[in-house]
Amino acid sequence: MNLLIATDNFFPRVDGVSVMLNEVIHFLKEKYKVDVIAPDFNGSKEFAVDKVDVARMPLSRISYGDYTLAKVDKALLKEWVKNNDVVWVHALGPIGKETIKICRKLKKNVICTVHTMD
């Protein structure tokens, strides 16, 4: 089974979401083929998990504090969604929101985890 993780937070940006995903991917990749779509944040693109394909979305000009939103390449995102059996979205930023829309159109299984602080 192929699993796509679509996230608006991932290395090289270090935050709770990227650290959690790094830990979870270690276990998931033993049983599933795992792909990740994430923003193209500045810094080293290497992270601790091997055997995982990562597609990077360019950053937009819109920033909130130290966080810059991704500019979604809808065609690329659609291809990655098509090539996976299950999609796991983390957060409802530009990548997450568009991924859910595409999953609905393609009738793909989608799981959504929203990381928030109350």
PDB file of N, CA and C in Angstrom:
ATOM      1  N   MET A   1       0.838  -1.179   0.000  1.00  0.00           N
ATOM      2  CA  MET A   1       0.000   0.000   0.000  1.00  0.00           C
ATOM      3  C   MET A   1       0.882   1.240   0.000  1.00  0.00           C
ATOM      4  N   ASN A   2       0.467   2.227  -0.772  1.00  0.00           N
ATOM      5  CA  ASN A   2       1.194   3.493  -0.868  1.00  0.00           C
ATOM      6  C   ASN A   2       0.484   4.559  -0.053  1.00  0.00           C
ATOM      7  N   LEU A   3       1.264   5.283   0.746  1.00  0.00           N
ATOM      8  CA  LEU A   3       0.746   6.332   1.614  1.00  0.00           C
ATOM      9  C   LEU A   3       1.385   7.659   1.259  1.00  0.00           C
ATOM     10  N   LEU A   4       0.558   8.677   1.030  1.00  0.00           N
ATOM     11  CA  LEU A   4       1.042  10.033   0.782  1.00  0.00           C
ATOM     12  C   LEU A   4       0.776  10.872   2.021  1.00  0.00           C
ATOM     13  N   ILE A   5       1.809  11.528   2.521  1.00  0.00           N
ATOM     14  CA  ILE A   5       1.665  12.491   3.616  1.00  0.00           C
ATOM     15  C   ILE A   5       1.780  13.876   3.002  1.00  0.00           C
ATOM     16  N   ALA A   6       0.714  14.649   3.115  1.00  0.00           N
ATOM     17  CA  ALA A   6       0.693  16.020   2.604  1.00  0.00           C
ATOM     18  C   ALA A   6       0.724  16.958   3.808  1.00  0.00           C
ATOM     19  N   THR A   7       1.764  17.762   3.896  1.00  0.00           N
ATOM     20  CA  THR A   7       1.951  18.597   5.076  1.00  0.00           C
ATOM     21  C   THR A   7       2.417  20.002   4.711  1.00  0.00           C
ATOM     22  N   ASP A   8       1.999  20.950   5.506  1.00  0.00           N
ATOM     23  CA  ASP A   8       2.456  22.334   5.339  1.00  0.00           C
ATOM     24  C   ASP A   8       3.622  22.647   6.274  1.00  0.00           C
ATOM     25  N   ASN A   9       4.093  21.653   7.008  1.00  0.00           N
ATOM     26  CA  ASN A   9       5.231  21.796   7.927  1.00  0.00           C
ATOM     27  C   ASN A   9       6.089  20.551   7.830  1.00  0.00           C
ATOM     28  N   PHE A  10       7.356  20.733   7.454  1.00  0.00           N
ATOM     29  CA  PHE A  10       8.265  19.595   7.350  1.00  0.00           C
ATOM     30  C   PHE A  10       9.688  20.122   7.326  1.00  0.00           C
ATOM     31  N   PHE A  11      10.642  19.242   7.567  1.00  0.00           N
ATOM     32  CA  PHE A  11      12.034  19.663   7.546  1.00  0.00           C
ATOM     33  C   PHE A  11      12.389  20.337   6.232  1.00  0.00           C
ATOM     34  N   PRO A  12      13.219  21.310   6.222  1.00  0.00           N
ATOM     35  CA  PRO A  12      14.140  21.698   7.268  1.00  0.00           C
ATOM     36  C   PRO A  12      13.540  22.585   8.357  1.00  0.00           C
ATOM     37  N   ARG A  13      12.294  23.012   8.232  1.00  0.00           N
ATOM     38  CA  ARG A  13      11.654  23.771   9.309  1.00  0.00           C
ATOM     39  C   ARG A  13      11.418  22.804  10.468  1.00  0.00           C
ATOM     40  N   VAL A  14      11.883  23.176  11.638  1.00  0.00           N
ATOM     41  CA  VAL A  14      11.721  22.319  12.804  1.00  0.00           C
ATOM     42  C   VAL A  14      10.594  22.869  13.663  1.00  0.00           C
ATOM     43  N   ASP A  15       9.567  22.051  13.810  1.00  0.00           N
ATOM     44  CA  ASP A  15       8.449  22.367  14.686  1.00  0.00           C
ATOM     45  C   ASP A  15       7.842  21.047  15.138  1.00  0.00           C
ATOM     46  N   GLY A  16       6.779  21.103  15.896  1.00  0.00           N
ATOM     47  CA  GLY A  16       6.167  19.881  16.412  1.00  0.00           C
ATOM     48  C   GLY A  16       5.687  18.947  15.328  1.00  0.00           C
ATOM     49  N   VAL A  17       5.148  19.502  14.243  1.00  0.00           N
ATOM     50  CA  VAL A  17       4.634  18.673  13.157  1.00  0.00           C
ATOM     51  C   VAL A  17       5.777  17.941  12.459  1.00  0.00           C
ATOM     52  N   SER A  18       6.833  18.650  12.116  1.00  0.00           N
ATOM     53  CA  SER A  18       7.939  18.004  11.400  1.00  0.00           C
ATOM     54  C   SER A  18       8.631  16.951  12.260  1.00  0.00           C
ATOM     55  N   VAL A  19       8.795  17.215  13.541  1.00  0.00           N
ATOM     56  CA  VAL A  19       9.422  16.243  14.424  1.00  0.00           C
ATOM     57  C   VAL A  19       8.527  15.016  14.567  1.00  0.00           C
ATOM     58  N   MET A  20       7.220  15.215  14.748  1.00  0.00           N
ATOM     59  CA  MET A  20       6.281  14.098  14.867  1.00  0.00           C
ATOM     60  C   MET A  20       6.278  13.256  13.605  1.00  0.00           C
ATOM     61  N   LEU A  21       6.229  13.909  12.440  1.00  0.00           N
ATOM     62  CA  LEU A  21       6.221  13.169  11.179  1.00  0.00           C
ATOM     63  C   LEU A  21       7.502  12.367  10.998  1.00  0.00           C
ATOM     64  N   ASN A  22       8.627  12.939  11.346  1.00  0.00           N
ATOM     65  CA  ASN A  22       9.890  12.220  11.239  1.00  0.00           C
ATOM     66  C   ASN A  22       9.847  10.932  12.064  1.00  0.00           C
ATOM     67  N   GLU A  23       9.313  11.009  13.267  1.00  0.00           N
ATOM     68  CA  GLU A  23       9.226   9.826  14.129  1.00  0.00           C
ATOM     69  C   GLU A  23       8.249   8.792  13.560  1.00  0.00           C
ATOM     70  N   VAL A  24       7.088   9.234  13.120  1.00  0.00           N
ATOM     71  CA  VAL A  24       6.062   8.324  12.618  1.00  0.00           C
ATOM     72  C   VAL A  24       6.493   7.668  11.304  1.00  0.00           C
ATOM     73  N   ILE A  25       7.142   8.421  10.439  1.00  0.00           N
ATOM     74  CA  ILE A  25       7.576   7.884   9.145  1.00  0.00           C
ATOM     75  C   ILE A  25       8.540   6.721   9.334  1.00  0.00           C
ATOM     76  N   HIS A  26       9.369   6.776  10.373  1.00  0.00           N
ATOM     77  CA  HIS A  26      10.291   5.654  10.644  1.00  0.00           C
ATOM     78  C   HIS A  26       9.531   4.335  10.741  1.00  0.00           C
ATOM     79  N   PHE A  27       8.372   4.354  11.379  1.00  0.00           N
ATOM     80  CA  PHE A  27       7.584   3.139  11.543  1.00  0.00           C
ATOM     81  C   PHE A  27       6.757   2.816  10.302  1.00  0.00           C
ATOM     82  N   LEU A  28       6.158   3.829   9.710  1.00  0.00           N
ATOM     83  CA  LEU A  28       5.294   3.613   8.547  1.00  0.00           C
ATOM     84  C   LEU A  28       6.056   3.034   7.363  1.00  0.00           C
ATOM     85  N   LYS A  29       7.281   3.473   7.155  1.00  0.00           N
ATOM     86  CA  LYS A  29       8.034   3.038   5.971  1.00  0.00           C
ATOM     87  C   LYS A  29       8.404   1.569   6.010  1.00  0.00           C
ATOM     88  N   GLU A  30       8.298   0.952   7.171  1.00  0.00           N
ATOM     89  CA  GLU A  30       8.570  -0.482   7.272  1.00  0.00           C
ATOM     90  C   GLU A  30       7.443  -1.313   6.660  1.00  0.00           C
ATOM     91  N   LYS A  31       6.242  -0.755   6.624  1.00  0.00           N
ATOM     92  CA  LYS A  31       5.081  -1.495   6.125  1.00  0.00           C
ATOM     93  C   LYS A  31       4.506  -0.906   4.838  1.00  0.00           C
ATOM     94  N   TYR A  32       4.718   0.390   4.603  1.00  0.00           N
ATOM     95  CA  TYR A  32       4.116   1.083   3.464  1.00  0.00           C
ATOM     96  C   TYR A  32       5.178   1.794   2.640  1.00  0.00           C
ATOM     97  N   LYS A  33       4.844   2.059   1.383  1.00  0.00           N
ATOM     98  CA  LYS A  33       5.640   2.971   0.558  1.00  0.00           C
ATOM     99  C   LYS A  33       5.154   4.362   0.932  1.00  0.00           C
ATOM    100  N   VAL A  34       6.018   5.206   1.443  1.00  0.00           N
ATOM    101  CA  VAL A  34       5.631   6.522   1.944  1.00  0.00           C
ATOM    102  C   VAL A  34       6.202   7.616   1.049  1.00  0.00           C
ATOM    103  N   ASP A  35       5.317   8.531   0.618  1.00  0.00           N
ATOM    104  CA  ASP A  35       5.707   9.746  -0.097  1.00  0.00           C
ATOM    105  C   ASP A  35       5.287  10.941   0.752  1.00  0.00           C
ATOM    106  N   VAL A  36       6.006  12.040   0.605  1.00  0.00           N
ATOM    107  CA  VAL A  36       5.696  13.263   1.351  1.00  0.00           C
ATOM    108  C   VAL A  36       5.659  14.433   0.384  1.00  0.00           C
ATOM    109  N   ILE A  37       4.644  15.285   0.539  1.00  0.00           N
ATOM    110  CA  ILE A  37       4.604  16.570  -0.170  1.00  0.00           C
ATOM    111  C   ILE A  37       4.669  17.641   0.900  1.00  0.00           C
ATOM    112  N   ALA A  38       5.619  18.564   0.753  1.00  0.00           N
ATOM    113  CA  ALA A  38       5.868  19.575   1.775  1.00  0.00           C
ATOM    114  C   ALA A  38       6.390  20.858   1.137  1.00  0.00           C
ATOM    115  N   PRO A  39       6.347  21.967   1.877  1.00  0.00           N
ATOM    116  CA  PRO A  39       6.908  23.222   1.364  1.00  0.00           C
ATOM    117  C   PRO A  39       8.421  23.137   1.200  1.00  0.00           C
ATOM    118  N   ASP A  40       8.935  23.950   0.324  1.00  0.00           N
ATOM    119  CA  ASP A  40      10.371  24.000   0.045  1.00  0.00           C
ATOM    120  C   ASP A  40      11.030  25.063   0.932  1.00  0.00           C
ATOM    121  N   PHE A  41      11.027  24.801   2.248  1.00  0.00           N
ATOM    122  CA  PHE A  41      11.631  25.748   3.185  1.00  0.00           C
ATOM    123  C   PHE A  41      13.138  25.792   2.977  1.00  0.00           C
ATOM    124  N   ASN A  42      13.749  26.938   3.316  1.00  0.00           N
ATOM    125  CA  ASN A  42      15.195  27.104   3.201  1.00  0.00           C
ATOM    126  C   ASN A  42      15.912  26.202   4.198  1.00  0.00           C
ATOM    127  N   GLY A  43      17.051  25.689   3.798  1.00  0.00           N
ATOM    128  CA  GLY A  43      17.860  24.840   4.662  1.00  0.00           C
ATOM    129  C   GLY A  43      18.092  23.485   4.019  1.00  0.00           C
ATOM    130  N   SER A  44      18.762  22.634   4.746  1.00  0.00           N
ATOM    131  CA  SER A  44      19.091  21.300   4.242  1.00  0.00           C
ATOM    132  C   SER A  44      17.828  20.477   4.047  1.00  0.00           C
ATOM    133  N   LYS A  45      17.690  19.852   2.905  1.00  0.00           N
ATOM    134  CA  LYS A  45      16.508  19.051   2.587  1.00  0.00           C
ATOM    135  C   LYS A  45      16.657  17.611   3.081  1.00  0.00           C
ATOM    136  N   GLU A  46      17.799  17.298   3.651  1.00  0.00           N
ATOM    137  CA  GLU A  46      18.005  15.948   4.163  1.00  0.00           C
ATOM    138  C   GLU A  46      17.330  15.824   5.522  1.00  0.00           C
ATOM    139  N   PHE A  47      16.735  14.675   5.749  1.00  0.00           N
ATOM    140  CA  PHE A  47      16.181  14.401   7.062  1.00  0.00           C
ATOM    141  C   PHE A  47      16.462  12.955   7.396  1.00  0.00           C
ATOM    142  N   ALA A  48      16.137  12.540   8.583  1.00  0.00           N
ATOM    143  CA  ALA A  48      16.615  11.272   9.119  1.00  0.00           C
ATOM    144  C   ALA A  48      16.003  10.033   8.481  1.00  0.00           C
ATOM    145  N   VAL A  49      14.981  10.168   7.677  1.00  0.00           N
ATOM    146  CA  VAL A  49      14.299   9.001   7.125  1.00  0.00           C
ATOM    147  C   VAL A  49      14.731   8.772   5.678  1.00  0.00           C
ATOM    148  N   ASP A  50      15.218   7.556   5.398  1.00  0.00           N
ATOM    149  CA  ASP A  50      15.549   7.217   4.017  1.00  0.00           C
ATOM    150  C   ASP A  50      14.400   6.422   3.404  1.00  0.00           C
ATOM    151  N   LYS A  51      14.492   6.141   2.137  1.00  0.00           N
ATOM    152  CA  LYS A  51      13.474   5.385   1.399  1.00  0.00           C
ATOM    153  C   LYS A  51      12.123   6.093   1.360  1.00  0.00           C
ATOM    154  N   VAL A  52      12.142   7.407   1.406  1.00  0.00           N
ATOM    155  CA  VAL A  52      10.917   8.202   1.326  1.00  0.00           C
ATOM    156  C   VAL A  52      11.123   9.251   0.247  1.00  0.00           C
ATOM    157  N   ASP A  53      10.181   9.318  -0.720  1.00  0.00           N
ATOM    158  CA  ASP A  53      10.250  10.357  -1.750  1.00  0.00           C
ATOM    159  C   ASP A  53       9.556  11.607  -1.239  1.00  0.00           C
ATOM    160  N   VAL A  54      10.207  12.752  -1.424  1.00  0.00           N
ATOM    161  CA  VAL A  54       9.653  14.023  -0.971  1.00  0.00           C
ATOM    162  C   VAL A  54       9.544  14.967  -2.157  1.00  0.00           C
ATOM    163  N   ALA A  55       8.325  15.476  -2.398  1.00  0.00           N
ATOM    164  CA  ALA A  55       8.104  16.517  -3.400  1.00  0.00           C
ATOM    165  C   ALA A  55       8.018  17.843  -2.662  1.00  0.00           C
ATOM    166  N   ARG A  56       8.626  18.856  -3.208  1.00  0.00           N
ATOM    167  CA  ARG A  56       8.650  20.176  -2.557  1.00  0.00           C
ATOM    168  C   ARG A  56       7.831  21.182  -3.358  1.00  0.00           C
ATOM    169  N   MET A  57       6.966  21.898  -2.653  1.00  0.00           N
ATOM    170  CA  MET A  57       6.182  22.979  -3.249  1.00  0.00           C
ATOM    171  C   MET A  57       6.917  24.295  -2.988  1.00  0.00           C
ATOM    172  N   PRO A  58       6.965  25.172  -3.986  1.00  0.00           N
ATOM    173  CA  PRO A  58       7.650  26.451  -3.772  1.00  0.00           C
ATOM    174  C   PRO A  58       6.913  27.290  -2.729  1.00  0.00           C
ATOM    175  N   LEU A  59       7.638  28.239  -2.146  1.00  0.00           N
ATOM    176  CA  LEU A  59       7.023  29.127  -1.165  1.00  0.00           C
ATOM    177  C   LEU A  59       6.387  30.320  -1.859  1.00  0.00           C
ATOM    178  N   SER A  60       5.306  30.811  -1.275  1.00  0.00           N
ATOM    179  CA  SER A  60       4.647  32.006  -1.797  1.00  0.00           C
ATOM    180  C   SER A  60       5.312  33.236  -1.174  1.00  0.00           C
ATOM    181  N   ARG A  61       4.740  34.383  -1.428  1.00  0.00           N
ATOM    182  CA  ARG A  61       5.236  35.623  -0.826  1.00  0.00           C
ATOM    183  C   ARG A  61       4.502  35.945   0.476  1.00  0.00           C
ATOM    184  N   ILE A  62       3.563  35.100   0.863  1.00  0.00           N
ATOM    185  CA  ILE A  62       2.736  35.360   2.047  1.00  0.00           C
ATOM    186  C   ILE A  62       3.372  34.725   3.271  1.00  0.00           C
ATOM    187  N   SER A  63       3.660  35.560   4.262  1.00  0.00           N
ATOM    188  CA  SER A  63       4.271  35.091   5.509  1.00  0.00           C
ATOM    189  C   SER A  63       3.466  35.567   6.700  1.00  0.00           C
ATOM    190  N   TYR A  64       3.484  34.752   7.724  1.00  0.00           N
ATOM    191  CA  TYR A  64       2.914  35.090   9.027  1.00  0.00           C
ATOM    192  C   TYR A  64       4.000  34.833  10.056  1.00  0.00           C
ATOM    193  N   GLY A  65       4.577  35.887  10.582  1.00  0.00           N
ATOM    194  CA  GLY A  65       5.702  35.723  11.500  1.00  0.00           C
ATOM    195  C   GLY A  65       6.864  35.081  10.770  1.00  0.00           C
ATOM    196  N   ASP A  66       7.350  33.964  11.297  1.00  0.00           N
ATOM    197  CA  ASP A  66       8.482  33.277  10.659  1.00  0.00           C
ATOM    198  C   ASP A  66       8.035  32.154   9.729  1.00  0.00           C
ATOM    199  N   TYR A  67       6.745  32.081   9.459  1.00  0.00           N
ATOM    200  CA  TYR A  67       6.199  31.008   8.625  1.00  0.00           C
ATOM    201  C   TYR A  67       5.742  31.555   7.280  1.00  0.00           C
ATOM    202  N   THR A  68       6.205  30.938   6.190  1.00  0.00           N
ATOM    203  CA  THR A  68       5.810  31.327   4.842  1.00  0.00           C
ATOM    204  C   THR A  68       4.950  30.230   4.240  1.00  0.00           C
ATOM    205  N   LEU A  69       3.816  30.619   3.677  1.00  0.00           N
ATOM    206  CA  LEU A  69       2.896  29.659   3.071  1.00  0.00           C
ATOM    207  C   LEU A  69       3.464  29.106   1.766  1.00  0.00           C
ATOM    208  N   ALA A  70       3.077  27.886   1.466  1.00  0.00           N
ATOM    209  CA  ALA A  70       3.484  27.258   0.205  1.00  0.00           C
ATOM    210  C   ALA A  70       2.584  27.731  -0.923  1.00  0.00           C
ATOM    211  N   LYS A  71       3.131  27.729  -2.127  1.00  0.00           N
ATOM    212  CA  LYS A  71       2.378  27.994  -3.351  1.00  0.00           C
ATOM    213  C   LYS A  71       2.171  26.630  -4.004  1.00  0.00           C
ATOM    214  N   VAL A  72       0.917  26.193  -4.062  1.00  0.00           N
ATOM    215  CA  VAL A  72       0.621  24.822  -4.459  1.00  0.00           C
ATOM    216  C   VAL A  72       0.663  24.639  -5.980  1.00  0.00           C
ATOM    217  N   ASP A  73       1.404  23.636  -6.410  1.00  0.00           N
ATOM    218  CA  ASP A  73       1.421  23.193  -7.798  1.00  0.00           C
ATOM    219  C   ASP A  73       0.335  22.113  -7.903  1.00  0.00           C
ATOM    220  N   LYS A  74      -0.862  22.512  -8.337  1.00  0.00           N
ATOM    221  CA  LYS A  74      -2.015  21.604  -8.339  1.00  0.00           C
ATOM    222  C   LYS A  74      -1.812  20.382  -9.227  1.00  0.00           C
ATOM    223  N   ALA A  75      -1.162  20.543 -10.360  1.00  0.00           N
ATOM    224  CA  ALA A  75      -0.931  19.409 -11.267  1.00  0.00           C
ATOM    225  C   ALA A  75      -0.010  18.384 -10.621  1.00  0.00           C
ATOM    226  N   LEU A  76       1.063  18.833 -10.011  1.00  0.00           N
ATOM    227  CA  LEU A  76       1.984  17.932  -9.328  1.00  0.00           C
ATOM    228  C   LEU A  76       1.283  17.238  -8.165  1.00  0.00           C
ATOM    229  N   LEU A  77       0.538  17.995  -7.408  1.00  0.00           N
ATOM    230  CA  LEU A  77      -0.178  17.430  -6.266  1.00  0.00           C
ATOM    231  C   LEU A  77      -1.181  16.370  -6.710  1.00  0.00           C
ATOM    232  N   LYS A  78      -1.897  16.644  -7.791  1.00  0.00           N
ATOM    233  CA  LYS A  78      -2.880  15.688  -8.305  1.00  0.00           C
ATOM    234  C   LYS A  78      -2.208  14.379  -8.721  1.00  0.00           C
ATOM    235  N   GLU A  79      -1.055  14.455  -9.374  1.00  0.00           N
ATOM    236  CA  GLU A  79      -0.334  13.251  -9.783  1.00  0.00           C
ATOM    237  C   GLU A  79       0.091  12.419  -8.569  1.00  0.00           C
ATOM    238  N   TRP A  80       0.583  13.087  -7.540  1.00  0.00           N
ATOM    239  CA  TRP A  80       1.016  12.352  -6.348  1.00  0.00           C
ATOM    240  C   TRP A  80      -0.176  11.719  -5.642  1.00  0.00           C
ATOM    241  N   VAL A  81      -1.302  12.411  -5.585  1.00  0.00           N
ATOM    242  CA  VAL A  81      -2.501  11.837  -4.964  1.00  0.00           C
ATOM    243  C   VAL A  81      -2.955  10.614  -5.757  1.00  0.00           C
ATOM    244  N   LYS A  82      -2.967  10.714  -7.088  1.00  0.00           N
ATOM    245  CA  LYS A  82      -3.382   9.590  -7.943  1.00  0.00           C
ATOM    246  C   LYS A  82      -2.528   8.354  -7.693  1.00  0.00           C
ATOM    247  N   ASN A  83      -1.240   8.537  -7.444  1.00  0.00           N
ATOM    248  CA  ASN A  83      -0.309   7.428  -7.322  1.00  0.00           C
ATOM    249  C   ASN A  83      -0.231   6.815  -5.924  1.00  0.00           C
ATOM    250  N   ASN A  84      -1.122   7.216  -5.040  1.00  0.00           N
ATOM    251  CA  ASN A  84      -1.122   6.687  -3.680  1.00  0.00           C
ATOM    252  C   ASN A  84      -2.505   6.174  -3.311  1.00  0.00           C
ATOM    253  N   ASP A  85      -2.539   5.183  -2.423  1.00  0.00           N
ATOM    254  CA  ASP A  85      -3.802   4.574  -2.018  1.00  0.00           C
ATOM    255  C   ASP A  85      -4.504   5.361  -0.919  1.00  0.00           C
ATOM    256  N   VAL A  86      -3.718   5.847   0.033  1.00  0.00           N
ATOM    257  CA  VAL A  86      -4.252   6.585   1.166  1.00  0.00           C
ATOM    258  C   VAL A  86      -3.471   7.883   1.292  1.00  0.00           C
ATOM    259  N   VAL A  87      -4.172   8.950   1.645  1.00  0.00           N
ATOM    260  CA  VAL A  87      -3.544  10.259   1.815  1.00  0.00           C
ATOM    261  C   VAL A  87      -3.773  10.713   3.258  1.00  0.00           C
ATOM    262  N   TRP A  88      -2.683  11.145   3.893  1.00  0.00           N
ATOM    263  CA  TRP A  88      -2.758  11.633   5.276  1.00  0.00           C
ATOM    264  C   TRP A  88      -2.330  13.096   5.264  1.00  0.00           C
ATOM    265  N   VAL A  89      -3.272  13.984   5.525  1.00  0.00           N
ATOM    266  CA  VAL A  89      -3.035  15.424   5.516  1.00  0.00           C
ATOM    267  C   VAL A  89      -2.725  15.897   6.930  1.00  0.00           C
ATOM    268  N   HIS A  90      -1.705  16.742   7.043  1.00  0.00           N
ATOM    269  CA  HIS A  90      -1.351  17.349   8.332  1.00  0.00           C
ATOM    270  C   HIS A  90      -1.479  18.852   8.206  1.00  0.00           C
ATOM    271  N   ALA A  91      -2.484  19.392   8.857  1.00  0.00           N
ATOM    272  CA  ALA A  91      -2.778  20.827   8.888  1.00  0.00           C
ATOM    273  C   ALA A  91      -3.614  21.240   7.679  1.00  0.00           C
ATOM    274  N   LEU A  92      -4.237  22.370   7.812  1.00  0.00           N
ATOM    275  CA  LEU A  92      -5.133  22.847   6.762  1.00  0.00           C
ATOM    276  C   LEU A  92      -4.586  24.100   6.090  1.00  0.00           C
ATOM    277  N   GLY A  93      -3.289  24.111   5.858  1.00  0.00           N
ATOM    278  CA  GLY A  93      -2.674  25.186   5.090  1.00  0.00           C
ATOM    279  C   GLY A  93      -2.931  24.956   3.612  1.00  0.00           C
ATOM    280  N   PRO A  94      -2.242  25.681   2.749  1.00  0.00           N
ATOM    281  CA  PRO A  94      -2.475  25.557   1.311  1.00  0.00           C
ATOM    282  C   PRO A  94      -2.314  24.134   0.767  1.00  0.00           C
ATOM    283  N   ILE A  95      -1.291  23.426   1.184  1.00  0.00           N
ATOM    284  CA  ILE A  95      -1.079  22.061   0.691  1.00  0.00           C
ATOM    285  C   ILE A  95      -2.168  21.138   1.224  1.00  0.00           C
ATOM    286  N   GLY A  96      -2.442  21.205   2.501  1.00  0.00           N
ATOM    287  CA  GLY A  96      -3.461  20.348   3.094  1.00  0.00           C
ATOM    288  C   GLY A  96      -4.840  20.573   2.518  1.00  0.00           C
ATOM    289  N   LYS A  97      -5.222  21.826   2.398  1.00  0.00           N
ATOM    290  CA  LYS A  97      -6.551  22.167   1.870  1.00  0.00           C
ATOM    291  C   LYS A  97      -6.724  21.693   0.432  1.00  0.00           C
ATOM    292  N   GLU A  98      -5.745  21.942  -0.399  1.00  0.00           N
ATOM    293  CA  GLU A  98      -5.834  21.537  -1.810  1.00  0.00           C
ATOM    294  C   GLU A  98      -5.791  20.019  -1.952  1.00  0.00           C
ATOM    295  N   THR A  99      -5.024  19.355  -1.105  1.00  0.00           N
ATOM    296  CA  THR A  99      -4.961  17.894  -1.147  1.00  0.00           C
ATOM    297  C   THR A  99      -6.329  17.291  -0.852  1.00  0.00           C
ATOM    298  N   ILE A 100      -7.020  17.810   0.142  1.00  0.00           N
ATOM    299  CA  ILE A 100      -8.350  17.311   0.481  1.00  0.00           C
ATOM    300  C   ILE A 100      -9.314  17.506  -0.686  1.00  0.00           C
ATOM    301  N   LYS A 101      -9.260  18.652  -1.339  1.00  0.00           N
ATOM    302  CA  LYS A 101     -10.114  18.903  -2.516  1.00  0.00           C
ATOM    303  C   LYS A 101      -9.856  17.874  -3.611  1.00  0.00           C
ATOM    304  N   ILE A 102      -8.600  17.621  -3.887  1.00  0.00           N
ATOM    305  CA  ILE A 102      -8.231  16.668  -4.937  1.00  0.00           C
ATOM    306  C   ILE A 102      -8.670  15.258  -4.548  1.00  0.00           C
ATOM    307  N   CYS A 103      -8.490  14.889  -3.293  1.00  0.00           N
ATOM    308  CA  CYS A 103      -8.917  13.558  -2.831  1.00  0.00           C
ATOM    309  C   CYS A 103     -10.419  13.370  -3.016  1.00  0.00           C
ATOM    310  N   ARG A 104     -11.184  14.391  -2.725  1.00  0.00           N
ATOM    311  CA  ARG A 104     -12.636  14.293  -2.907  1.00  0.00           C
ATOM    312  C   ARG A 104     -12.987  14.064  -4.368  1.00  0.00           C
ATOM    313  N   LYS A 105     -12.355  14.810  -5.262  1.00  0.00           N
ATOM    314  CA  LYS A 105     -12.626  14.658  -6.696  1.00  0.00           C
ATOM    315  C   LYS A 105     -12.242  13.278  -7.204  1.00  0.00           C
ATOM    316  N   LEU A 106     -11.135  12.746  -6.700  1.00  0.00           N
ATOM    317  CA  LEU A 106     -10.631  11.452  -7.164  1.00  0.00           C
ATOM    318  C   LEU A 106     -11.168  10.277  -6.338  1.00  0.00           C
ATOM    319  N   LYS A 107     -12.024  10.592  -5.355  1.00  0.00           N
ATOM    320  CA  LYS A 107     -12.596   9.556  -4.480  1.00  0.00           C
ATOM    321  C   LYS A 107     -11.506   8.728  -3.796  1.00  0.00           C
ATOM    322  N   LYS A 108     -10.493   9.438  -3.299  1.00  0.00           N
ATOM    323  CA  LYS A 108      -9.387   8.808  -2.582  1.00  0.00           C
ATOM    324  C   LYS A 108      -9.641   8.867  -1.075  1.00  0.00           C
ATOM    325  N   ASN A 109      -9.164   7.834  -0.388  1.00  0.00           N
ATOM    326  CA  ASN A 109      -9.238   7.845   1.068  1.00  0.00           C
ATOM    327  C   ASN A 109      -8.308   8.912   1.610  1.00  0.00           C
ATOM    328  N   VAL A 110      -8.804   9.718   2.549  1.00  0.00           N
ATOM    329  CA  VAL A 110      -8.000  10.778   3.129  1.00  0.00           C
ATOM    330  C   VAL A 110      -8.221  10.815   4.640  1.00  0.00           C
ATOM    331  N   ILE A 111      -7.113  10.968   5.356  1.00  0.00           N
ATOM    332  CA  ILE A 111      -7.129  11.141   6.808  1.00  0.00           C
ATOM    333  C   ILE A 111      -6.561  12.525   7.066  1.00  0.00           C
ATOM    334  N   CYS A 112      -7.166  13.263   7.997  1.00  0.00           N
ATOM    335  CA  CYS A 112      -6.682  14.610   8.287  1.00  0.00           C
ATOM    336  C   CYS A 112      -6.376  14.753   9.771  1.00  0.00           C
ATOM    337  N   THR A 113      -5.159  15.174  10.057  1.00  0.00           N
ATOM    338  CA  THR A 113      -4.756  15.501  11.429  1.00  0.00           C
ATOM    339  C   THR A 113      -4.470  16.984  11.461  1.00  0.00           C
ATOM    340  N   VAL A 114      -5.148  17.681  12.358  1.00  0.00           N
ATOM    341  CA  VAL A 114      -4.926  19.121  12.510  1.00  0.00           C
ATOM    342  C   VAL A 114      -4.183  19.340  13.819  1.00  0.00           C
ATOM    343  N   HIS A 115      -3.005  19.870  13.723  1.00  0.00           N
ATOM    344  CA  HIS A 115      -2.160  20.128  14.898  1.00  0.00           C
ATOM    345  C   HIS A 115      -2.444  21.544  15.369  1.00  0.00           C
ATOM    346  N   THR A 116      -3.039  21.661  16.548  1.00  0.00           N
ATOM    347  CA  THR A 116      -3.372  22.989  17.067  1.00  0.00           C
ATOM    348  C   THR A 116      -2.983  23.087  18.532  1.00  0.00           C
ATOM    349  N   MET A 117      -2.929  24.313  19.000  1.00  0.00           N
ATOM    350  CA  MET A 117      -2.727  24.573  20.425  1.00  0.00           C
ATOM    351  C   MET A 117      -3.934  25.377  20.884  1.00  0.00           C
ATOM    352  N   ASP A 118      -4.584  24.910  21.902  1.00  0.00           N
ATOM    353  CA  ASP A 118      -5.751  25.641  22.425  1.00  0.00           C
ATOM    354  C   ASP A 118      -5.324  26.691  23.408  1.00  0.00           C
TER     355      ASP A 118
END
